[in-house]
C-alpha cells in the first residue's frame, strides 16, 4: 500500500526542507509548491491526502488556495501555517474550512500531531462513522437531516464548534456525535459542566496541579484538559465560566499548551474544543460578561440544535424510542400510545424539549396500566410563555381536542404546504410499492410503524 502523499506549499526553501524531513520520518511522501498557481496544478494532477500551506505566498495567500480547494478537492484536508500570534488569520482559515493551523516558528511536535490526525480521515473511516452517526439522532424531518449533515461536515475539521440551543435539546449528544464521527473517535471525550465547578477550584480542575502546590495538594492531579489529550474537550454551559478562567482558557486554545498549578513549564496539549450553552453568548459579550476574544475563538463554527416544537413531526418516533428504552429498563413490554395521547404530545410546546418529553413519558408509564398510555396518563398542563420567548404554535395544549373531536385548524405557510405535499407523495409511493403493507412501507421510509401511522392520519392519506 502506497504511503500517504502530502503537499507542502511554501516559498521558504528552509521551511519546506524542514517539513519534508519531518514527514519523511513519519513514512510519508511529499511534494512541494512555492506558489498558489503551482499548488493548483499539482492538486489537479495528483491525489493528495493532505495539504499544508503557508498564509503568505508570492501570487496570493493560503486562504485563496483554501477557498479553491473547498470547491475543486473538498475531500483533501488542508492545514495552514500562520505567523506566530496571528489569531485573526487562523480563525479566518478555520471558518473557510481549514482542517487546523500551526504557527511559526514550527513546533514539530504540534505539526506531527496535526498530520497524524488529518490522515485518519480515510474514506473507509468516514463511511463507517457516517453510518454510525445517522443512527443516533432520532427524527426524519428536515431539521434533523440538516443537523446530521452539519455534524458530519464539522467532524472533519479540528476547528472549535459552539453548539447552541435550548435546555433539553440534546447538545451533549451532538457533541459526542461530532467526536465519534471524526478522526479523534478513538481518543477520550471529556465533558465538563462549567457551571458545576466552584470558582476557587476551577484552575486545579481544568489544568491540574503538582503535589505541594497549595495546602491540601498531597498528590499530583491531572486536569480535565490534559485528560482529553488526543480527543475532545466539551465545555457545557461555557457561558458560566468566570472571567478569570476565560482568560486562561483562551491561552490554552491559542497556544495549545497547558501549565498545571505549581509547574514551571507549559506542556503541549492536543485537544479539540467543543462548547455549548443555552444562553446568547453575543448578548453576554455586549454586556461585558463574556470575553469577546474568547467568543470568536470558540465560535468559529456554530451549530444550532432545534427545539422540539420546531420538529413536532419527530415526536411519534421519539416517543416510541423513549418508551422502548424505559420499558427495557423495567423489564416489561413497551406500551402503546393511543392516537389521542400521541396527538396531544405532538401539539404540546415542550419548553423542556426532549428531556421534558422523556420525563412526561416516564411519569405516564408509571401511572398507566403499562399496556397503553392515554391522555389522562400524560398529565400535561398549559405552559405559560416567557416574556422573551417566541410565540408557541397555534395548536398548543390550550387548543387540544378531546378524544373523538375534530383536530384544531392550523395556519400553515406556503412552504409548510409544499413540504407536506412532498411528504404525502413519498408516503403514497412507498405504500404503493409495498402493496399497502404499512410495516414494509415504514421500513422503506426509515421510520417506525407508529410514526408512519400517525403521518398517514395527519396528512389525510386514508
Protein backbone atom coordinates (compact mmCIF):
# COMPACT_ATOMS: atom_id res chain seq x y z
CA UNK A 1 0.00 0.00 0.00
CA UNK A 2 1.41 3.40 -1.04
CA UNK A 3 2.41 5.88 1.63
CA UNK A 4 0.13 8.92 2.09
CA UNK A 5 1.10 11.91 -0.05
CA UNK A 6 1.29 15.41 1.47
CA UNK A 7 1.54 18.68 -0.49
CA UNK A 8 3.65 21.39 1.18
CA UNK A 9 3.01 24.89 -0.15
CA UNK A 10 5.57 27.49 0.95
CA UNK A 11 8.09 29.80 -0.72
CA UNK A 12 10.73 29.39 2.01
CA UNK A 13 13.09 26.55 0.96
CA UNK A 14 14.36 26.03 4.52
CA UNK A 15 10.85 25.56 5.89
CA UNK A 16 9.90 23.20 3.06
CA UNK A 17 13.03 21.15 3.75
CA UNK A 18 12.26 21.01 7.49
CA UNK A 19 8.65 19.89 6.91
CA UNK A 20 9.67 17.37 4.24
CA UNK A 21 12.28 15.82 6.53
CA UNK A 22 9.80 15.64 9.42
CA UNK A 23 7.15 13.96 7.26
CA UNK A 24 9.60 11.52 5.70
CA UNK A 25 10.44 10.29 9.19
CA UNK A 26 6.69 9.60 9.56
CA UNK A 27 6.90 7.38 6.45
CA UNK A 28 5.04 9.95 4.34
CA UNK A 29 5.70 11.08 0.78
CA UNK A 30 5.77 14.80 -0.02
CA UNK A 31 5.53 17.16 -2.95
CA UNK A 32 6.10 20.92 -2.75
CA UNK A 33 4.94 24.11 -4.42
CA UNK A 34 6.23 27.64 -3.98
CA UNK A 35 3.07 29.49 -5.01
CA UNK A 36 -0.70 29.14 -5.39
CA UNK A 37 -0.62 28.50 -9.15
CA UNK A 38 1.80 25.58 -8.87
CA UNK A 39 -0.15 24.14 -5.96
CA UNK A 40 -3.36 24.15 -8.01
CA UNK A 41 -1.65 22.36 -10.91
CA UNK A 42 -0.34 19.65 -8.58
CA UNK A 43 -3.72 19.22 -6.87
CA UNK A 44 -5.38 18.80 -10.27
CA UNK A 45 -2.79 16.28 -11.45
CA UNK A 46 -2.45 14.05 -8.37
CA UNK A 47 -4.44 12.74 -5.44
CA UNK A 48 -3.15 14.12 -2.14
CA UNK A 49 -4.04 13.01 1.35
CA UNK A 50 -3.23 16.35 3.00
CA UNK A 51 -2.16 19.87 2.11
CA UNK A 52 -0.02 22.16 4.32
CA UNK A 53 0.05 25.75 3.10
CA UNK A 54 1.67 28.95 4.27
CA UNK A 55 -0.52 32.05 4.52
CA UNK A 56 1.78 34.38 2.57
CA UNK A 57 2.67 33.26 -0.95
CA UNK A 58 4.10 35.20 -3.93
CA UNK A 59 0.89 35.13 -6.01
CA UNK A 60 -1.72 35.16 -3.23
CA UNK A 61 -2.18 33.58 0.17
CA UNK A 62 -3.17 30.34 1.79
CA UNK A 63 -6.78 31.46 2.10
CA UNK A 64 -7.03 31.77 -1.72
CA UNK A 65 -5.81 28.21 -2.08
CA UNK A 66 -8.07 27.02 0.73
CA UNK A 67 -11.18 28.51 -0.92
CA UNK A 68 -10.21 26.92 -4.23
CA UNK A 69 -9.71 23.53 -2.59
CA UNK A 70 -13.15 23.55 -0.93
CA UNK A 71 -14.62 23.59 -4.46
CA UNK A 72 -12.18 21.53 -6.51
CA UNK A 73 -10.90 18.96 -3.99
CA UNK A 74 -13.12 19.12 -0.89
CA UNK A 75 -12.03 15.69 0.33
CA UNK A 76 -8.42 16.80 0.96
CA UNK A 77 -7.82 18.20 4.48
CA UNK A 78 -5.88 21.47 4.42
CA UNK A 79 -3.93 22.90 7.37
CA UNK A 80 -2.50 26.43 7.26
CA UNK A 81 0.78 27.76 8.61
CA UNK A 82 0.29 31.16 10.25
CA UNK A 83 2.60 33.79 11.72
CA UNK A 84 3.04 33.46 15.48
CA UNK A 85 0.26 35.23 17.35
CA UNK A 86 -1.82 35.94 14.23
CA UNK A 87 -5.05 34.62 15.73
CA UNK A 88 -7.27 36.50 13.27
CA UNK A 89 -5.74 34.71 10.28
CA UNK A 90 -6.08 31.35 12.00
CA UNK A 91 -9.74 31.96 12.77
CA UNK A 92 -10.42 33.12 9.19
CA UNK A 93 -8.77 29.97 7.86
CA UNK A 94 -10.84 27.73 10.14
CA UNK A 95 -14.05 29.49 9.11
CA UNK A 96 -13.16 28.88 5.46
CA UNK A 97 -12.82 25.17 6.13
CA UNK A 98 -9.20 24.63 7.16
CA UNK A 99 -8.66 21.37 9.00
CA UNK A 100 -6.34 23.02 11.55
CA UNK A 101 -3.47 25.51 11.83
CA UNK A 102 0.11 25.58 13.08
CA UNK A 103 2.08 28.71 13.97
CA UNK A 104 5.60 29.78 13.02
CA UNK A 105 8.20 29.04 14.21
CA UNK A 106 7.06 25.47 13.65
CA UNK A 107 6.68 23.23 16.67
CA UNK A 108 7.46 19.85 15.09
CA UNK A 109 5.53 18.00 17.79
CA UNK A 110 2.39 20.02 17.00
CA UNK A 111 2.99 19.53 13.27
CA UNK A 112 3.27 15.74 13.66
CA UNK A 113 0.04 15.60 15.69
CA UNK A 114 -1.88 17.66 13.13
CA UNK A 115 -0.64 15.50 10.25
CA UNK A 116 -1.44 12.25 12.09
CA UNK A 117 -4.95 13.43 12.93
CA UNK A 118 -5.63 14.63 9.38
CA UNK A 119 -4.52 11.33 7.85
CA UNK A 120 -7.03 9.43 9.99
CA UNK A 121 -9.75 10.89 7.80
CA UNK A 122 -9.67 7.93 5.44
CA UNK A 123 -12.70 7.28 3.29
CA UNK A 124 -13.44 3.97 4.98
CA UNK A 125 -13.48 5.58 8.41
CA UNK A 126 -15.77 8.34 7.19
CA UNK A 127 -18.22 5.84 5.72
CA UNK A 128 -18.38 3.82 8.92
CA UNK A 129 -18.72 6.92 11.07
CA UNK A 130 -21.41 8.37 8.81
CA UNK A 131 -23.48 5.21 9.25
CA UNK A 132 -22.97 5.26 13.00
CA UNK A 133 -23.87 8.94 13.30
CA UNK A 134 -27.05 8.54 11.32
CA UNK A 135 -28.45 6.06 13.83
CA UNK A 136 -28.05 8.23 16.93
CA UNK A 137 -30.27 11.21 16.15
CA UNK A 138 -33.94 10.26 16.05
CA UNK A 139 -36.11 12.06 13.54
CA UNK A 140 -36.64 12.02 9.78
CA UNK A 141 -37.68 15.65 9.41
CA UNK A 142 -35.85 18.39 7.51
CA UNK A 143 -34.37 19.94 10.68
CA UNK A 144 -32.74 16.70 11.84
CA UNK A 145 -31.47 15.81 8.37
CA UNK A 146 -29.79 19.22 8.23
CA UNK A 147 -28.29 18.73 11.70
CA UNK A 148 -26.92 15.28 10.80
CA UNK A 149 -25.34 16.71 7.66
CA UNK A 150 -23.70 19.53 9.63
CA UNK A 151 -22.35 17.09 12.23
CA UNK A 152 -20.58 15.08 9.54
CA UNK A 153 -19.19 18.25 7.94
CA UNK A 154 -17.79 19.79 11.13
CA UNK A 155 -16.44 16.42 12.32
CA UNK A 156 -13.83 16.55 9.54
CA UNK A 157 -12.37 19.79 10.85
CA UNK A 158 -10.46 20.49 14.05
CA UNK A 159 -12.00 23.96 14.35
CA UNK A 160 -13.75 24.82 17.63
CA UNK A 161 -17.53 24.33 17.39
CA UNK A 162 -20.10 26.15 19.51
CA UNK A 163 -23.37 24.24 19.90
CA UNK A 164 -26.30 26.37 20.96
CA UNK A 165 -29.89 25.53 21.69
CA UNK A 166 -32.46 25.49 24.46
CA UNK A 167 -32.09 23.30 27.54
CA UNK A 168 -33.00 19.69 26.91
CA UNK A 169 -32.44 19.69 23.13
CA UNK A 170 -29.52 17.24 23.25
CA UNK A 171 -26.44 19.46 22.87
CA UNK A 172 -24.13 16.96 24.58
CA UNK A 173 -25.39 14.18 22.30
CA UNK A 174 -24.49 16.35 19.29
CA UNK A 175 -21.02 16.98 20.77
CA UNK A 176 -20.49 13.24 21.31
CA UNK A 177 -21.54 12.55 17.72
CA UNK A 178 -19.08 15.14 16.37
CA UNK A 179 -16.35 13.42 18.38
CA UNK A 180 -17.40 9.92 17.28
CA UNK A 181 -17.63 10.93 13.62
CA UNK A 182 -14.17 12.47 13.35
CA UNK A 183 -10.53 11.39 13.45
CA UNK A 184 -10.45 11.70 17.26
CA UNK A 185 -13.06 8.99 17.79
CA UNK A 186 -10.52 6.65 19.41
CA UNK A 187 -9.44 9.36 21.86
CA UNK A 188 -11.22 10.42 25.07
CA UNK A 189 -14.36 12.56 25.17
CA UNK A 190 -14.21 14.69 28.32
CA UNK A 191 -17.43 16.61 29.18
CA UNK A 192 -17.13 19.49 31.65
CA UNK A 193 -20.11 21.29 33.19
CA UNK A 194 -18.65 24.78 33.61
CA UNK A 195 -21.47 25.83 35.93
CA UNK A 196 -20.97 22.96 38.36
CA UNK A 197 -17.34 23.62 39.39
CA UNK A 198 -16.75 26.09 42.26
CA UNK A 199 -14.78 29.12 41.08
CA UNK A 200 -11.94 28.60 43.56
CA UNK A 201 -11.39 25.02 42.32
CA UNK A 202 -11.65 25.70 38.60
CA UNK A 203 -7.98 26.21 37.81
CA UNK A 204 -6.99 22.99 39.56
CA UNK A 205 -9.85 21.05 37.94
CA UNK A 206 -9.10 22.34 34.43
CA UNK A 207 -5.29 22.37 34.43
CA UNK A 208 -4.35 20.02 37.27
CA UNK A 209 -1.76 20.64 39.97
CA UNK A 210 1.54 19.38 41.30
CA UNK A 211 1.97 17.91 44.73
CA UNK A 212 2.56 20.65 47.32
CA UNK A 213 1.34 23.43 45.01
CA UNK A 214 -1.10 24.56 47.71
CA UNK A 215 -2.49 23.40 51.03
CA UNK A 216 -4.26 20.09 50.50
CA UNK A 217 -2.40 19.19 47.29
CA UNK A 218 -0.99 15.93 48.65
CA UNK A 219 -0.64 14.24 45.25
CA UNK A 220 -0.26 15.26 41.61
CA UNK A 221 -3.59 15.78 39.87
CA UNK A 222 -4.20 15.53 36.12
CA UNK A 223 -6.56 18.29 34.97
CA UNK A 224 -9.60 17.85 32.76
CA UNK A 225 -7.87 19.49 29.79
CA UNK A 226 -4.77 17.24 29.82
CA UNK A 227 -7.02 14.19 30.35
CA UNK A 228 -8.64 14.96 26.97
CA UNK A 229 -5.26 14.59 25.19
CA UNK A 230 -5.77 13.27 21.68
CA UNK A 231 -9.54 13.61 21.99
CA UNK A 232 -12.26 16.18 22.60
CA UNK A 233 -12.93 18.60 25.46
CA UNK A 234 -16.64 19.50 25.70
CA UNK A 235 -17.32 22.67 27.69
CA UNK A 236 -21.01 22.54 28.57
CA UNK A 237 -22.63 25.79 29.79
CA UNK A 238 -19.48 27.66 28.79
CA UNK A 239 -21.28 30.98 29.47
CA UNK A 240 -20.96 30.21 33.20
CA UNK A 241 -17.15 30.40 33.14
CA UNK A 242 -15.88 33.27 35.35
CA UNK A 243 -13.83 35.94 33.56
CA UNK A 244 -10.51 34.89 35.09
CA UNK A 245 -10.95 31.38 33.71
CA UNK A 246 -11.97 32.72 30.33
CA UNK A 247 -8.54 34.36 30.03
CA UNK A 248 -6.75 31.12 30.87
CA UNK A 249 -8.90 29.04 28.53
CA UNK A 250 -8.21 31.49 25.69
CA UNK A 251 -4.48 30.88 26.10
CA UNK A 252 -4.96 27.11 26.01
CA UNK A 253 -6.88 27.35 22.72
CA UNK A 254 -4.46 29.82 21.11
CA UNK A 255 -1.16 28.38 22.26
CA UNK A 256 -2.22 24.71 22.55
CA UNK A 257 -0.35 24.45 25.84
CA UNK A 258 -1.33 23.96 29.48
CA UNK A 259 0.50 24.55 32.77
CA UNK A 260 -0.68 22.78 35.94
CA UNK A 261 -0.62 24.76 39.20
CA UNK A 262 2.86 24.51 40.71
CA UNK A 263 4.51 23.54 37.42
CA UNK A 264 7.15 25.91 35.99
CA UNK A 265 6.83 24.91 32.34
CA UNK A 266 3.94 24.73 29.92
CA UNK A 267 3.29 21.41 28.21
CA UNK A 268 1.76 20.99 24.75
CA UNK A 269 -1.78 19.66 24.67
CA UNK A 270 -3.67 18.22 21.71
CA UNK A 271 -7.42 18.60 22.24
CA UNK A 272 -10.34 19.74 20.15
CA UNK A 273 -12.63 22.15 21.96
CA UNK A 274 -16.40 21.94 21.62
CA UNK A 275 -18.64 24.19 23.69
CA UNK A 276 -22.35 24.61 24.35
CA UNK A 277 -24.78 26.87 26.15
CA UNK A 278 -28.46 27.74 26.16
CA UNK A 279 -27.56 31.43 26.65
CA UNK A 280 -26.89 34.01 23.94
CA UNK A 281 -23.11 34.49 24.01
CA UNK A 282 -23.23 37.52 21.71
CA UNK A 283 -25.53 39.28 24.20
CA UNK A 284 -23.19 38.38 27.06
CA UNK A 285 -20.26 39.83 25.11
CA UNK A 286 -22.14 43.11 24.63
CA UNK A 287 -22.80 43.15 28.39
CA UNK A 288 -19.07 42.57 29.11
CA UNK A 289 -19.95 39.28 30.85
CA UNK A 290 -18.10 37.15 28.31
CA UNK A 291 -14.77 37.96 26.67
CA UNK A 292 -15.06 38.93 23.02
CA UNK A 293 -11.73 37.35 22.08
CA UNK A 294 -12.74 34.01 23.61
CA UNK A 295 -16.15 34.21 21.93
CA UNK A 296 -14.53 34.47 18.49
CA UNK A 297 -12.17 31.59 19.26
CA UNK A 298 -14.82 29.09 20.41
CA UNK A 299 -17.49 30.28 17.97
CA UNK A 300 -15.55 29.51 14.78
CA UNK A 301 -18.35 27.16 13.67
CA UNK A 302 -21.89 27.50 15.02
CA UNK A 303 -24.23 24.54 15.24
CA UNK A 304 -27.86 25.10 16.26
CA UNK A 305 -29.86 22.27 17.79
CA UNK A 306 -33.55 22.95 17.05
CA UNK A 307 -36.13 22.89 19.87
CA UNK A 308 -38.65 20.08 19.86
CA UNK A 309 -41.53 22.38 18.91
CA UNK A 310 -39.78 23.04 15.57
CA UNK A 311 -39.73 19.34 14.74
CA UNK A 312 -43.01 18.10 16.12
CA UNK A 313 -43.21 15.58 13.27
CA UNK A 314 -40.43 13.64 15.03
CA UNK A 315 -42.35 13.24 18.30
CA UNK A 316 -44.05 9.93 17.39
CA UNK A 317 -40.70 8.32 16.60
CA UNK A 318 -39.04 9.90 19.66
CA UNK A 319 -41.86 8.75 21.92
CA UNK A 320 -41.63 5.23 20.55
CA UNK A 321 -37.86 5.09 21.16
CA UNK A 322 -38.16 6.55 24.68
CA UNK A 323 -40.90 4.11 25.69
CA UNK A 324 -38.86 1.18 24.40
CA UNK A 325 -35.85 2.36 26.43
CA UNK A 326 -37.90 2.86 29.60
CA UNK A 327 -39.65 -0.50 29.17
CA UNK A 328 -36.35 -2.36 28.72
CA UNK A 329 -35.14 -0.79 31.96
CA UNK A 330 -38.26 -2.07 33.77
CA UNK A 331 -38.26 -5.44 32.04
CA UNK A 332 -41.75 -5.02 30.55
CA UNK A 333 -43.24 -4.83 27.05
CA UNK A 334 -43.40 -1.36 25.58
CA UNK A 335 -46.94 0.07 25.94
CA UNK A 336 -48.92 1.60 23.09
CA UNK A 337 -49.71 5.30 22.94
CA UNK A 338 -53.32 5.93 21.98
CA UNK A 339 -53.82 8.13 18.92
CA UNK A 340 -55.39 10.78 21.16
CA UNK A 341 -52.41 10.79 23.54
CA UNK A 342 -49.99 10.98 20.62
CA UNK A 343 -51.92 13.88 19.13
CA UNK A 344 -51.68 15.73 22.46
CA UNK A 345 -47.91 15.16 22.61
CA UNK A 346 -47.41 16.39 19.05
CA UNK A 347 -49.30 19.60 19.81
CA UNK A 348 -47.61 20.33 23.15
CA UNK A 349 -44.93 23.09 23.03
CA UNK A 350 -42.43 21.24 25.30
CA UNK A 351 -40.41 24.13 26.75
CA UNK A 352 -38.09 21.49 28.26
CA UNK A 353 -37.68 19.82 24.85
CA UNK A 354 -36.64 16.15 24.53
CA UNK A 355 -35.67 15.93 28.19
CA UNK A 356 -39.20 17.02 29.17
CA UNK A 357 -40.77 14.55 26.72
CA UNK A 358 -38.78 11.77 28.37
CA UNK A 359 -39.90 12.88 31.84
CA UNK A 360 -43.55 13.06 30.73
CA UNK A 361 -43.43 9.53 29.27
CA UNK A 362 -41.63 8.11 32.31
CA UNK A 363 -44.37 9.53 34.55
CA UNK A 364 -47.11 8.32 32.20
CA UNK A 365 -45.64 4.82 32.16
CA UNK A 366 -45.75 4.75 35.96
CA UNK A 367 -49.39 5.96 36.04
CA UNK A 368 -50.69 3.76 33.23
CA UNK A 369 -51.65 0.09 33.29
CA UNK A 370 -48.35 -0.47 31.37
CA UNK A 371 -50.26 -1.78 28.36
CA UNK A 372 -51.33 1.51 26.85
CA UNK A 373 -50.91 5.21 27.63
CA UNK A 374 -53.87 7.57 27.27
CA UNK A 375 -54.30 11.34 27.64
CA UNK A 376 -55.07 11.10 31.36
CA UNK A 377 -51.74 9.36 32.00
CA UNK A 378 -49.75 12.22 30.44
CA UNK A 379 -50.90 14.83 33.00
CA UNK A 380 -49.84 17.75 30.81
CA UNK A 381 -50.55 21.28 31.92
CA UNK A 382 -50.78 24.52 29.98
CA UNK A 383 -47.37 26.18 29.77
CA UNK A 384 -47.10 29.96 30.39
CA UNK A 385 -45.00 31.74 27.78
CA UNK A 386 -41.90 33.62 28.94
CA UNK A 387 -41.71 37.33 28.12
CA UNK A 388 -38.94 36.96 25.52
CA UNK A 389 -39.93 33.55 24.24
CA UNK A 390 -41.14 33.02 20.71
CA UNK A 391 -44.92 32.51 20.48
CA UNK A 392 -45.96 28.86 20.64
CA UNK A 393 -47.56 27.11 17.67
CA UNK A 394 -51.23 27.86 17.09
CA UNK A 395 -52.22 24.33 18.09
CA UNK A 396 -50.78 24.26 21.63
CA UNK A 397 -52.14 22.47 24.68
CA UNK A 398 -54.78 25.15 25.20
CA UNK A 399 -56.40 24.12 21.91
CA UNK A 400 -56.04 20.35 22.19
CA UNK A 401 -59.03 18.35 21.24
CA UNK A 402 -60.85 15.84 23.38
CA UNK A 403 -60.92 12.24 22.14
CA UNK A 404 -63.08 11.93 19.05
CA UNK A 405 -63.38 15.66 18.36
CA UNK A 406 -62.08 17.36 15.23
CA UNK A 407 -58.42 18.44 15.19
CA UNK A 408 -57.71 22.16 15.51
CA UNK A 409 -57.21 24.18 12.36
CA UNK A 410 -53.60 25.11 11.66
CA UNK A 411 -52.27 28.19 9.96
CA UNK A 412 -49.85 26.54 7.54
CA UNK A 413 -47.41 28.56 5.45
CA UNK A 414 -46.93 28.01 1.74
CA UNK A 415 -43.60 26.35 2.49
CA UNK A 416 -45.26 24.08 5.03
CA UNK A 417 -47.86 23.07 2.45
CA UNK A 418 -45.14 22.25 -0.08
CA UNK A 419 -43.28 20.12 2.45
CA UNK A 420 -46.48 18.27 3.33
CA UNK A 421 -47.09 17.62 -0.39
CA UNK A 422 -43.60 16.15 -0.74
CA UNK A 423 -44.08 14.03 2.38
CA UNK A 424 -47.51 12.86 1.22
CA UNK A 425 -46.16 11.84 -2.20
CA UNK A 426 -43.26 9.92 -0.63
CA UNK A 427 -45.59 8.00 1.69
CA UNK A 428 -48.08 7.21 -1.09
CA UNK A 429 -45.25 5.95 -3.34
CA UNK A 430 -43.89 3.76 -0.54
CA UNK A 431 -47.35 2.35 0.20
CA UNK A 432 -47.96 1.58 -3.45
CA UNK A 433 -44.54 -0.08 -3.81
CA UNK A 434 -45.26 -2.19 -0.72
CA UNK A 435 -48.80 -3.01 -1.92
CA UNK A 436 -50.16 -1.07 1.06
CA UNK A 437 -48.29 -3.15 3.60
CA UNK A 438 -47.67 -0.40 6.19
CA UNK A 439 -44.94 -2.31 8.01
CA UNK A 440 -42.95 -2.73 4.79
CA UNK A 441 -43.61 0.88 3.76
CA UNK A 442 -42.41 2.16 7.14
CA UNK A 443 -39.22 0.10 6.79
CA UNK A 444 -38.61 1.52 3.29
CA UNK A 445 -39.12 5.08 4.56
CA UNK A 446 -36.77 4.56 7.50
CA UNK A 447 -39.39 5.22 10.21
CA UNK A 448 -41.32 3.24 12.78
CA UNK A 449 -44.74 1.77 12.04
CA UNK A 450 -46.27 4.06 14.68
CA UNK A 451 -44.71 7.17 13.11
CA UNK A 452 -45.99 6.16 9.67
CA UNK A 453 -49.46 5.52 11.02
CA UNK A 454 -49.53 8.97 12.62
CA UNK A 455 -48.32 10.73 9.46
CA UNK A 456 -50.86 8.89 7.31
CA UNK A 457 -53.57 10.16 9.60
CA UNK A 458 -52.12 13.67 9.83
CA UNK A 459 -51.81 14.05 6.04
CA UNK A 460 -55.24 12.59 5.35
CA UNK A 461 -53.90 9.84 3.09
CA UNK A 462 -56.55 7.37 4.26
